[in-house]
Structure formats: C-alpha cells, structure tokens
Full PDB file with SEQRES, HELIX, SHEET, SSBOND, CRYST1, ORIGX, SCALE, CONECT and MASTER records, all heavy atoms in Angstrom:
SEQRES   1 A   32  ILE SER LEU ASN GLU ILE SER ASP PHE ARG PHE CYS LEU          
SEQRES   2 A   32  SER ALA THR PRO PHE ASN ASN ARG LYS ASN ASP LEU MET          
SEQRES   3 A   32  LEU GLN ALA MET PHE ILE                                      
HELIX    1 AA1 SER A    2  ILE A    6  5                                   5    
HELIX    2 AA2 PRO A   17  ASN A   19  5                                   3    
HELIX    3 AA3 LYS A   22  PHE A   31  1                                  10    
CRYST1    1.000    1.000    1.000  90.00  90.00  90.00 P 1           1          
ORIGX1      1.000000  0.000000  0.000000        0.00000                         
ORIGX2      0.000000  1.000000  0.000000        0.00000                         
ORIGX3      0.000000  0.000000  1.000000        0.00000                         
SCALE1      1.000000  0.000000  0.000000        0.00000                         
SCALE2      0.000000  1.000000  0.000000        0.00000                         
SCALE3      0.000000  0.000000  1.000000        0.00000                         
ATOM      1  N   ILE A   1      -2.444  -2.452   7.340  1.00  0.00           N  
ATOM      2  CA  ILE A   1      -2.690  -1.030   7.067  1.00  0.00           C  
ATOM      3  C   ILE A   1      -2.601  -0.218   8.356  1.00  0.00           C  
ATOM      4  O   ILE A   1      -2.071   0.911   8.372  1.00  0.00           O  
ATOM      5  CB  ILE A   1      -4.064  -0.841   6.404  1.00  0.00           C  
ATOM      6  CG1 ILE A   1      -4.058  -1.405   4.976  1.00  0.00           C  
ATOM      7  CG2 ILE A   1      -4.478   0.638   6.381  1.00  0.00           C  
ATOM      8  CD1 ILE A   1      -5.421  -1.403   4.308  1.00  0.00           C  
ATOM      9  N   SER A   2      -3.058  -0.767   9.461  1.00  0.00           N  
ATOM     10  CA  SER A   2      -3.063  -0.020  10.724  1.00  0.00           C  
ATOM     11  C   SER A   2      -1.647   0.242  11.260  1.00  0.00           C  
ATOM     12  O   SER A   2      -1.472   1.061  12.156  1.00  0.00           O  
ATOM     13  CB  SER A   2      -3.880  -0.770  11.776  1.00  0.00           C  
ATOM     14  OG  SER A   2      -3.241  -1.954  12.212  1.00  0.00           O  
ATOM     15  N   LEU A   3      -0.634  -0.440  10.701  1.00  0.00           N  
ATOM     16  CA  LEU A   3       0.732  -0.177  11.134  1.00  0.00           C  
ATOM     17  C   LEU A   3       1.176   1.247  10.770  1.00  0.00           C  
ATOM     18  O   LEU A   3       2.180   1.719  11.306  1.00  0.00           O  
ATOM     19  CB  LEU A   3       1.692  -1.198  10.494  1.00  0.00           C  
ATOM     20  CG  LEU A   3       1.553  -2.639  10.987  1.00  0.00           C  
ATOM     21  CD1 LEU A   3       2.430  -3.565  10.154  1.00  0.00           C  
ATOM     22  CD2 LEU A   3       1.932  -2.752  12.473  1.00  0.00           C  
ATOM     23  N   ASN A   4       0.450   1.908   9.879  1.00  0.00           N  
ATOM     24  CA  ASN A   4       0.838   3.288   9.567  1.00  0.00           C  
ATOM     25  C   ASN A   4       0.673   4.215  10.773  1.00  0.00           C  
ATOM     26  O   ASN A   4       1.208   5.317  10.785  1.00  0.00           O  
ATOM     27  CB  ASN A   4       0.085   3.817   8.329  1.00  0.00           C  
ATOM     28  CG  ASN A   4      -1.426   3.794   8.471  1.00  0.00           C  
ATOM     29  OD1 ASN A   4      -1.966   3.789   9.588  1.00  0.00           O  
ATOM     30  ND2 ASN A   4      -2.114   3.780   7.346  1.00  0.00           N  
ATOM     31  N   GLU A   5      -0.017   3.725  11.794  1.00  0.00           N  
ATOM     32  CA  GLU A   5      -0.193   4.519  13.008  1.00  0.00           C  
ATOM     33  C   GLU A   5       1.067   4.544  13.868  1.00  0.00           C  
ATOM     34  O   GLU A   5       1.208   5.404  14.745  1.00  0.00           O  
ATOM     35  CB  GLU A   5      -1.359   3.966  13.826  1.00  0.00           C  
ATOM     36  CG  GLU A   5      -2.705   4.013  13.080  1.00  0.00           C  
ATOM     37  CD  GLU A   5      -3.802   3.292  13.840  1.00  0.00           C  
ATOM     38  OE1 GLU A   5      -3.507   2.759  14.936  1.00  0.00           O  
ATOM     39  OE2 GLU A   5      -4.949   3.242  13.349  1.00  0.00           O  
ATOM     40  N   ILE A   6       1.980   3.601  13.654  1.00  0.00           N  
ATOM     41  CA  ILE A   6       3.176   3.520  14.483  1.00  0.00           C  
ATOM     42  C   ILE A   6       4.453   3.730  13.658  1.00  0.00           C  
ATOM     43  O   ILE A   6       5.529   3.263  14.028  1.00  0.00           O  
ATOM     44  CB  ILE A   6       3.269   2.180  15.242  1.00  0.00           C  
ATOM     45  CG1 ILE A   6       3.218   0.999  14.279  1.00  0.00           C  
ATOM     46  CG2 ILE A   6       2.146   2.088  16.284  1.00  0.00           C  
ATOM     47  CD1 ILE A   6       3.549  -0.327  14.962  1.00  0.00           C  
ATOM     48  N   SER A   7       4.314   4.414  12.526  1.00  0.00           N  
ATOM     49  CA  SER A   7       5.478   4.680  11.683  1.00  0.00           C  
ATOM     50  C   SER A   7       5.340   6.061  11.037  1.00  0.00           C  
ATOM     51  O   SER A   7       4.235   6.555  10.845  1.00  0.00           O  
ATOM     52  CB  SER A   7       5.607   3.605  10.585  1.00  0.00           C  
ATOM     53  OG  SER A   7       4.411   3.554   9.812  1.00  0.00           O  
ATOM     54  N   ASP A   8       6.484   6.629  10.699  1.00  0.00           N  
ATOM     55  CA  ASP A   8       6.472   7.946  10.045  1.00  0.00           C  
ATOM     56  C   ASP A   8       6.245   7.837   8.539  1.00  0.00           C  
ATOM     57  O   ASP A   8       5.535   8.654   7.955  1.00  0.00           O  
ATOM     58  CB  ASP A   8       7.793   8.658  10.314  1.00  0.00           C  
ATOM     59  CG  ASP A   8       7.943   9.065  11.777  1.00  0.00           C  
ATOM     60  OD1 ASP A   8       6.952   8.981  12.535  1.00  0.00           O  
ATOM     61  OD2 ASP A   8       9.075   9.444  12.155  1.00  0.00           O  
ATOM     62  N   PHE A   9       6.870   6.816   7.919  1.00  0.00           N  
ATOM     63  CA  PHE A   9       6.777   6.660   6.472  1.00  0.00           C  
ATOM     64  C   PHE A   9       6.627   5.190   6.120  1.00  0.00           C  
ATOM     65  O   PHE A   9       7.114   4.322   6.829  1.00  0.00           O  
ATOM     66  CB  PHE A   9       8.022   7.233   5.774  1.00  0.00           C  
ATOM     67  CG  PHE A   9       8.251   8.687   6.065  1.00  0.00           C  
ATOM     68  CD1 PHE A   9       9.208   9.083   7.000  1.00  0.00           C  
ATOM     69  CD2 PHE A   9       7.491   9.659   5.432  1.00  0.00           C  
ATOM     70  CE1 PHE A   9       9.417  10.431   7.281  1.00  0.00           C  
ATOM     71  CE2 PHE A   9       7.692  11.013   5.707  1.00  0.00           C  
ATOM     72  CZ  PHE A   9       8.651  11.393   6.621  1.00  0.00           C  
ATOM     73  N   ARG A  10       5.956   4.939   4.966  1.00  0.00           N  
ATOM     74  CA  ARG A  10       5.721   3.570   4.508  1.00  0.00           C  
ATOM     75  C   ARG A  10       6.095   3.452   3.030  1.00  0.00           C  
ATOM     76  O   ARG A  10       5.828   4.362   2.238  1.00  0.00           O  
ATOM     77  CB  ARG A  10       4.254   3.167   4.679  1.00  0.00           C  
ATOM     78  CG  ARG A  10       3.850   2.724   6.059  1.00  0.00           C  
ATOM     79  CD  ARG A  10       3.693   3.853   7.042  1.00  0.00           C  
ATOM     80  NE  ARG A  10       2.733   4.851   6.606  1.00  0.00           N  
ATOM     81  CZ  ARG A  10       2.554   6.010   7.224  1.00  0.00           C  
ATOM     82  NH1 ARG A  10       3.286   6.329   8.301  1.00  0.00           N  
ATOM     83  NH2 ARG A  10       1.672   6.890   6.785  1.00  0.00           N  
ATOM     84  N   PHE A  11       6.665   2.309   2.667  1.00  0.00           N  
ATOM     85  CA  PHE A  11       7.052   2.055   1.281  1.00  0.00           C  
ATOM     86  C   PHE A  11       6.581   0.682   0.846  1.00  0.00           C  
ATOM     87  O   PHE A  11       6.701  -0.289   1.593  1.00  0.00           O  
ATOM     88  CB  PHE A  11       8.574   2.154   1.125  1.00  0.00           C  
ATOM     89  CG  PHE A  11       9.115   3.534   1.364  1.00  0.00           C  
ATOM     90  CD1 PHE A  11       9.456   3.957   2.643  1.00  0.00           C  
ATOM     91  CD2 PHE A  11       9.252   4.431   0.314  1.00  0.00           C  
ATOM     92  CE1 PHE A  11       9.927   5.239   2.864  1.00  0.00           C  
ATOM     93  CE2 PHE A  11       9.704   5.727   0.533  1.00  0.00           C  
ATOM     94  CZ  PHE A  11      10.060   6.122   1.812  1.00  0.00           C  
ATOM     95  N   CYS A  12       6.026   0.608  -0.352  1.00  0.00           N  
ATOM     96  CA  CYS A  12       5.542  -0.641  -0.938  1.00  0.00           C  
ATOM     97  C   CYS A  12       6.457  -1.052  -2.086  1.00  0.00           C  
ATOM     98  O   CYS A  12       6.668  -0.280  -3.024  1.00  0.00           O  
ATOM     99  CB  CYS A  12       4.122  -0.480  -1.457  1.00  0.00           C  
ATOM    100  SG  CYS A  12       2.862  -0.356  -0.158  1.00  0.00           S  
ATOM    101  N   LEU A  13       6.989  -2.256  -2.030  1.00  0.00           N  
ATOM    102  CA  LEU A  13       7.830  -2.800  -3.095  1.00  0.00           C  
ATOM    103  C   LEU A  13       7.085  -3.917  -3.799  1.00  0.00           C  
ATOM    104  O   LEU A  13       6.641  -4.880  -3.149  1.00  0.00           O  
ATOM    105  CB  LEU A  13       9.143  -3.358  -2.537  1.00  0.00           C  
ATOM    106  CG  LEU A  13      10.299  -2.375  -2.311  1.00  0.00           C  
ATOM    107  CD1 LEU A  13       9.897  -1.271  -1.339  1.00  0.00           C  
ATOM    108  CD2 LEU A  13      11.532  -3.113  -1.820  1.00  0.00           C  
ATOM    109  N   SER A  14       6.923  -3.793  -5.092  1.00  0.00           N  
ATOM    110  CA  SER A  14       6.268  -4.830  -5.883  1.00  0.00           C  
ATOM    111  C   SER A  14       6.557  -4.617  -7.343  1.00  0.00           C  
ATOM    112  O   SER A  14       6.549  -3.468  -7.812  1.00  0.00           O  
ATOM    113  CB  SER A  14       4.758  -4.834  -5.638  1.00  0.00           C  
ATOM    114  OG  SER A  14       4.128  -5.789  -6.459  1.00  0.00           O  
ATOM    115  N   ALA A  15       6.788  -5.695  -8.075  1.00  0.00           N  
ATOM    116  CA  ALA A  15       6.983  -5.599  -9.511  1.00  0.00           C  
ATOM    117  C   ALA A  15       5.648  -5.485 -10.262  1.00  0.00           C  
ATOM    118  O   ALA A  15       5.619  -5.085 -11.419  1.00  0.00           O  
ATOM    119  CB  ALA A  15       7.766  -6.791 -10.036  1.00  0.00           C  
ATOM    120  N   THR A  16       4.567  -5.825  -9.569  1.00  0.00           N  
ATOM    121  CA  THR A  16       3.259  -5.878 -10.266  1.00  0.00           C  
ATOM    122  C   THR A  16       2.140  -5.182  -9.498  1.00  0.00           C  
ATOM    123  O   THR A  16       1.034  -5.698  -9.439  1.00  0.00           O  
ATOM    124  CB  THR A  16       2.849  -7.341 -10.499  1.00  0.00           C  
ATOM    125  OG1 THR A  16       2.788  -8.026  -9.238  1.00  0.00           O  
ATOM    126  CG2 THR A  16       3.815  -8.042 -11.422  1.00  0.00           C  
ATOM    127  N   PRO A  17       2.357  -4.016  -8.925  1.00  0.00           N  
ATOM    128  CA  PRO A  17       1.268  -3.397  -8.148  1.00  0.00           C  
ATOM    129  C   PRO A  17       0.152  -2.872  -9.017  1.00  0.00           C  
ATOM    130  O   PRO A  17      -0.982  -2.743  -8.587  1.00  0.00           O  
ATOM    131  CB  PRO A  17       1.959  -2.252  -7.404  1.00  0.00           C  
ATOM    132  CG  PRO A  17       3.060  -1.864  -8.317  1.00  0.00           C  
ATOM    133  CD  PRO A  17       3.555  -3.152  -8.922  1.00  0.00           C  
ATOM    134  N   PHE A  18       0.462  -2.537 -10.269  1.00  0.00           N  
ATOM    135  CA  PHE A  18      -0.523  -1.883 -11.130  1.00  0.00           C  
ATOM    136  C   PHE A  18      -1.227  -2.851 -12.067  1.00  0.00           C  
ATOM    137  O   PHE A  18      -1.982  -2.451 -12.919  1.00  0.00           O  
ATOM    138  CB  PHE A  18       0.146  -0.775 -11.942  1.00  0.00           C  
ATOM    139  CG  PHE A  18       0.873   0.221 -11.086  1.00  0.00           C  
ATOM    140  CD1 PHE A  18       2.162   0.561 -11.373  1.00  0.00           C  
ATOM    141  CD2 PHE A  18       0.261   0.786  -9.984  1.00  0.00           C  
ATOM    142  CE1 PHE A  18       2.845   1.473 -10.589  1.00  0.00           C  
ATOM    143  CE2 PHE A  18       0.923   1.700  -9.191  1.00  0.00           C  
ATOM    144  CZ  PHE A  18       2.217   2.043  -9.488  1.00  0.00           C  
ATOM    145  N   ASN A  19      -0.965  -4.144 -11.896  1.00  0.00           N  
ATOM    146  CA  ASN A  19      -1.653  -5.139 -12.703  1.00  0.00           C  
ATOM    147  C   ASN A  19      -2.861  -5.713 -11.968  1.00  0.00           C  
ATOM    148  O   ASN A  19      -3.529  -6.603 -12.465  1.00  0.00           O  
ATOM    149  CB  ASN A  19      -0.700  -6.276 -13.071  1.00  0.00           C  
ATOM    150  CG  ASN A  19       0.411  -5.797 -13.990  1.00  0.00           C  
ATOM    151  OD1 ASN A  19       0.241  -4.836 -14.709  1.00  0.00           O  
ATOM    152  ND2 ASN A  19       1.546  -6.472 -13.953  1.00  0.00           N  
ATOM    153  N   ASN A  20      -3.087  -5.196 -10.784  1.00  0.00           N  
ATOM    154  CA  ASN A  20      -4.179  -5.728  -9.958  1.00  0.00           C  
ATOM    155  C   ASN A  20      -5.438  -4.887 -10.102  1.00  0.00           C  
ATOM    156  O   ASN A  20      -5.468  -3.893 -10.817  1.00  0.00           O  
ATOM    157  CB  ASN A  20      -3.732  -5.757  -8.477  1.00  0.00           C  
ATOM    158  CG  ASN A  20      -2.460  -6.585  -8.297  1.00  0.00           C  
ATOM    159  OD1 ASN A  20      -2.300  -7.611  -8.892  1.00  0.00           O  
ATOM    160  ND2 ASN A  20      -1.574  -6.084  -7.452  1.00  0.00           N  
ATOM    161  N   ARG A  21      -6.463  -5.298  -9.384  1.00  0.00           N  
ATOM    162  CA  ARG A  21      -7.702  -4.511  -9.369  1.00  0.00           C  
ATOM    163  C   ARG A  21      -7.473  -3.185  -8.694  1.00  0.00           C  
ATOM    164  O   ARG A  21      -6.586  -3.031  -7.867  1.00  0.00           O  
ATOM    165  CB  ARG A  21      -8.781  -5.305  -8.619  1.00  0.00           C  
ATOM    166  CG  ARG A  21      -9.147  -6.637  -9.233  1.00  0.00           C  
ATOM    167  CD  ARG A  21     -10.063  -7.396  -8.303  1.00  0.00           C  
ATOM    168  NE  ARG A  21      -9.436  -7.617  -7.005  1.00  0.00           N  
ATOM    169  CZ  ARG A  21     -10.087  -8.077  -5.924  1.00  0.00           C  
ATOM    170  NH1 ARG A  21     -11.372  -8.332  -6.003  1.00  0.00           N  
ATOM    171  NH2 ARG A  21      -9.448  -8.263  -4.793  1.00  0.00           N  
ATOM    172  N   LYS A  22      -8.320  -2.225  -9.026  1.00  0.00           N  
ATOM    173  CA  LYS A  22      -8.193  -0.907  -8.432  1.00  0.00           C  
ATOM    174  C   LYS A  22      -8.308  -0.969  -6.912  1.00  0.00           C  
ATOM    175  O   LYS A  22      -7.619  -0.246  -6.197  1.00  0.00           O  
ATOM    176  CB  LYS A  22      -9.239   0.052  -9.008  1.00  0.00           C  
ATOM    177  CG  LYS A  22      -9.043   1.493  -8.572  1.00  0.00           C  
ATOM    178  CD  LYS A  22      -9.850   2.471  -9.408  1.00  0.00           C  
ATOM    179  CE  LYS A  22     -11.326   2.419  -9.072  1.00  0.00           C  
ATOM    180  NZ  LYS A  22     -12.087   3.541  -9.688  1.00  0.00           N  
ATOM    181  N   ASN A  23      -9.139  -1.860  -6.408  1.00  0.00           N  
ATOM    182  CA  ASN A  23      -9.297  -2.000  -4.963  1.00  0.00           C  
ATOM    183  C   ASN A  23      -8.008  -2.459  -4.300  1.00  0.00           C  
ATOM    184  O   ASN A  23      -7.718  -2.076  -3.154  1.00  0.00           O  
ATOM    185  CB  ASN A  23     -10.439  -2.953  -4.633  1.00  0.00           C  
ATOM    186  CG  ASN A  23     -11.789  -2.297  -4.730  1.00  0.00           C  
ATOM    187  OD1 ASN A  23     -11.899  -1.095  -4.860  1.00  0.00           O  
ATOM    188  ND2 ASN A  23     -12.850  -3.111  -4.689  1.00  0.00           N  
ATOM    189  N   ASP A  24      -7.242  -3.300  -4.994  1.00  0.00           N  
ATOM    190  CA  ASP A  24      -5.972  -3.741  -4.432  1.00  0.00           C  
ATOM    191  C   ASP A  24      -4.981  -2.588  -4.345  1.00  0.00           C  
ATOM    192  O   ASP A  24      -4.232  -2.459  -3.365  1.00  0.00           O  
ATOM    193  CB  ASP A  24      -5.383  -4.878  -5.273  1.00  0.00           C  
ATOM    194  CG  ASP A  24      -6.215  -6.150  -5.203  1.00  0.00           C  
ATOM    195  OD1 ASP A  24      -7.013  -6.269  -4.247  1.00  0.00           O  
ATOM    196  OD2 ASP A  24      -6.052  -7.023  -6.070  1.00  0.00           O  
ATOM    197  N   LEU A  25      -4.976  -1.750  -5.362  1.00  0.00           N  
ATOM    198  CA  LEU A  25      -4.130  -0.554  -5.328  1.00  0.00           C  
ATOM    199  C   LEU A  25      -4.549   0.379  -4.208  1.00  0.00           C  
ATOM    200  O   LEU A  25      -3.718   0.964  -3.516  1.00  0.00           O  
ATOM    201  CB  LEU A  25      -4.200   0.180  -6.658  1.00  0.00           C  
ATOM    202  CG  LEU A  25      -3.668  -0.551  -7.898  1.00  0.00           C  
ATOM    203  CD1 LEU A  25      -3.855   0.313  -9.134  1.00  0.00           C  
ATOM    204  CD2 LEU A  25      -2.207  -0.894  -7.715  1.00  0.00           C  
ATOM    205  N   MET A  26      -5.861   0.490  -4.013  1.00  0.00           N  
ATOM    206  CA  MET A  26      -6.388   1.343  -2.963  1.00  0.00           C  
ATOM    207  C   MET A  26      -5.867   0.896  -1.600  1.00  0.00           C  
ATOM    208  O   MET A  26      -5.450   1.723  -0.771  1.00  0.00           O  
ATOM    209  CB  MET A  26      -7.914   1.309  -2.952  1.00  0.00           C  
ATOM    210  CG  MET A  26      -8.553   2.097  -1.816  1.00  0.00           C  
ATOM    211  SD  MET A  26     -10.347   1.820  -1.697  1.00  0.00           S  
ATOM    212  CE  MET A  26     -10.377   0.127  -1.066  1.00  0.00           C  
ATOM    213  N   LEU A  27      -5.857  -0.407  -1.356  1.00  0.00           N  
ATOM    214  CA  LEU A  27      -5.423  -0.911  -0.051  1.00  0.00           C  
ATOM    215  C   LEU A  27      -3.946  -0.623   0.189  1.00  0.00           C  
ATOM    216  O   LEU A  27      -3.544  -0.269   1.293  1.00  0.00           O  
ATOM    217  CB  LEU A  27      -5.708  -2.395   0.036  1.00  0.00           C  
ATOM    218  CG  LEU A  27      -7.199  -2.788   0.029  1.00  0.00           C  
ATOM    219  CD1 LEU A  27      -7.377  -4.284  -0.108  1.00  0.00           C  
ATOM    220  CD2 LEU A  27      -7.897  -2.271   1.281  1.00  0.00           C  
ATOM    221  N   GLN A  28      -3.129  -0.748  -0.849  1.00  0.00           N  
ATOM    222  CA  GLN A  28      -1.714  -0.412  -0.686  1.00  0.00           C  
ATOM    223  C   GLN A  28      -1.521   1.092  -0.460  1.00  0.00           C  
ATOM    224  O   GLN A  28      -0.686   1.506   0.352  1.00  0.00           O  
ATOM    225  CB  GLN A  28      -0.941  -0.867  -1.941  1.00  0.00           C  
ATOM    226  CG  GLN A  28      -0.905  -2.366  -2.109  1.00  0.00           C  
ATOM    227  CD  GLN A  28      -0.259  -2.786  -3.398  1.00  0.00           C  
ATOM    228  OE1 GLN A  28       0.954  -2.695  -3.556  1.00  0.00           O  
ATOM    229  NE2 GLN A  28      -1.059  -3.251  -4.353  1.00  0.00           N  
ATOM    230  N   ALA A  29      -2.315   1.892  -1.158  1.00  0.00           N  
ATOM    231  CA  ALA A  29      -2.233   3.340  -0.976  1.00  0.00           C  
ATOM    232  C   ALA A  29      -2.702   3.742   0.427  1.00  0.00           C  
ATOM    233  O   ALA A  29      -2.164   4.694   1.016  1.00  0.00           O  
ATOM    234  CB  ALA A  29      -3.058   4.061  -2.044  1.00  0.00           C  
ATOM    235  N   MET A  30      -3.681   3.036   0.953  1.00  0.00           N  
ATOM    236  CA  MET A  30      -4.136   3.306   2.307  1.00  0.00           C  
ATOM    237  C   MET A  30      -3.035   2.990   3.317  1.00  0.00           C  
ATOM    238  O   MET A  30      -2.874   3.673   4.325  1.00  0.00           O  
ATOM    239  CB  MET A  30      -5.391   2.497   2.603  1.00  0.00           C  
ATOM    240  CG  MET A  30      -6.625   2.993   1.862  1.00  0.00           C  
ATOM    241  SD  MET A  30      -8.079   1.931   2.085  1.00  0.00           S  
ATOM    242  CE  MET A  30      -8.378   2.150   3.847  1.00  0.00           C  
ATOM    243  N   PHE A  31      -2.254   1.937   3.041  1.00  0.00           N  
ATOM    244  CA  PHE A  31      -1.129   1.614   3.921  1.00  0.00           C  
ATOM    245  C   PHE A  31      -0.095   2.732   3.897  1.00  0.00           C  
ATOM    246  O   PHE A  31       0.404   3.167   4.944  1.00  0.00           O  
ATOM    247  CB  PHE A  31      -0.488   0.294   3.504  1.00  0.00           C  
ATOM    248  CG  PHE A  31       0.850   0.037   4.148  1.00  0.00           C  
ATOM    249  CD1 PHE A  31       0.935  -0.314   5.475  1.00  0.00           C  
ATOM    250  CD2 PHE A  31       2.013   0.167   3.406  1.00  0.00           C  
ATOM    251  CE1 PHE A  31       2.165  -0.522   6.079  1.00  0.00           C  
ATOM    252  CE2 PHE A  31       3.251  -0.044   3.996  1.00  0.00           C  
ATOM    253  CZ  PHE A  31       3.326  -0.404   5.326  1.00  0.00           C  
ATOM    254  N   ILE A  32       0.242   3.233   2.718  1.00  0.00           N  
ATOM    255  CA  ILE A  32       1.222   4.318   2.630  1.00  0.00           C  
ATOM    256  C   ILE A  32       0.712   5.570   3.356  1.00  0.00           C  
ATOM    257  O   ILE A  32       1.456   6.208   4.098  1.00  0.00           O  
ATOM    258  CB  ILE A  32       1.538   4.628   1.156  1.00  0.00           C  
ATOM    259  CG1 ILE A  32       2.284   3.440   0.527  1.00  0.00           C  
ATOM    260  CG2 ILE A  32       2.378   5.904   1.032  1.00  0.00           C  
ATOM    261  CD1 ILE A  32       2.496   3.551  -0.964  1.00  0.00           C  
TER     262      ILE A  32                                                      
MASTER        0    0    0    3    0    0    0    6  261    1    0    3          
END                                                                             
C-alpha cells in the first residue's frame, strides 16, 4: 500500500476482487 507514495496512479487487476470481505476491498482501495 505504501508504494502509492512513489507513483502517480495505481491499478488493481483481479477477476474476484468483490467476492472477498469488505476489509479486503478496503485494502485494495487504500492502495489505489
């Protein structure tokens, strides 16, 4: 997640991001 400090934009690729717990989605959204 802290890599967002050294990049302009972030993209998450996954076929199943929304089948996980809400907390897992939160962590991916924090990365973006």
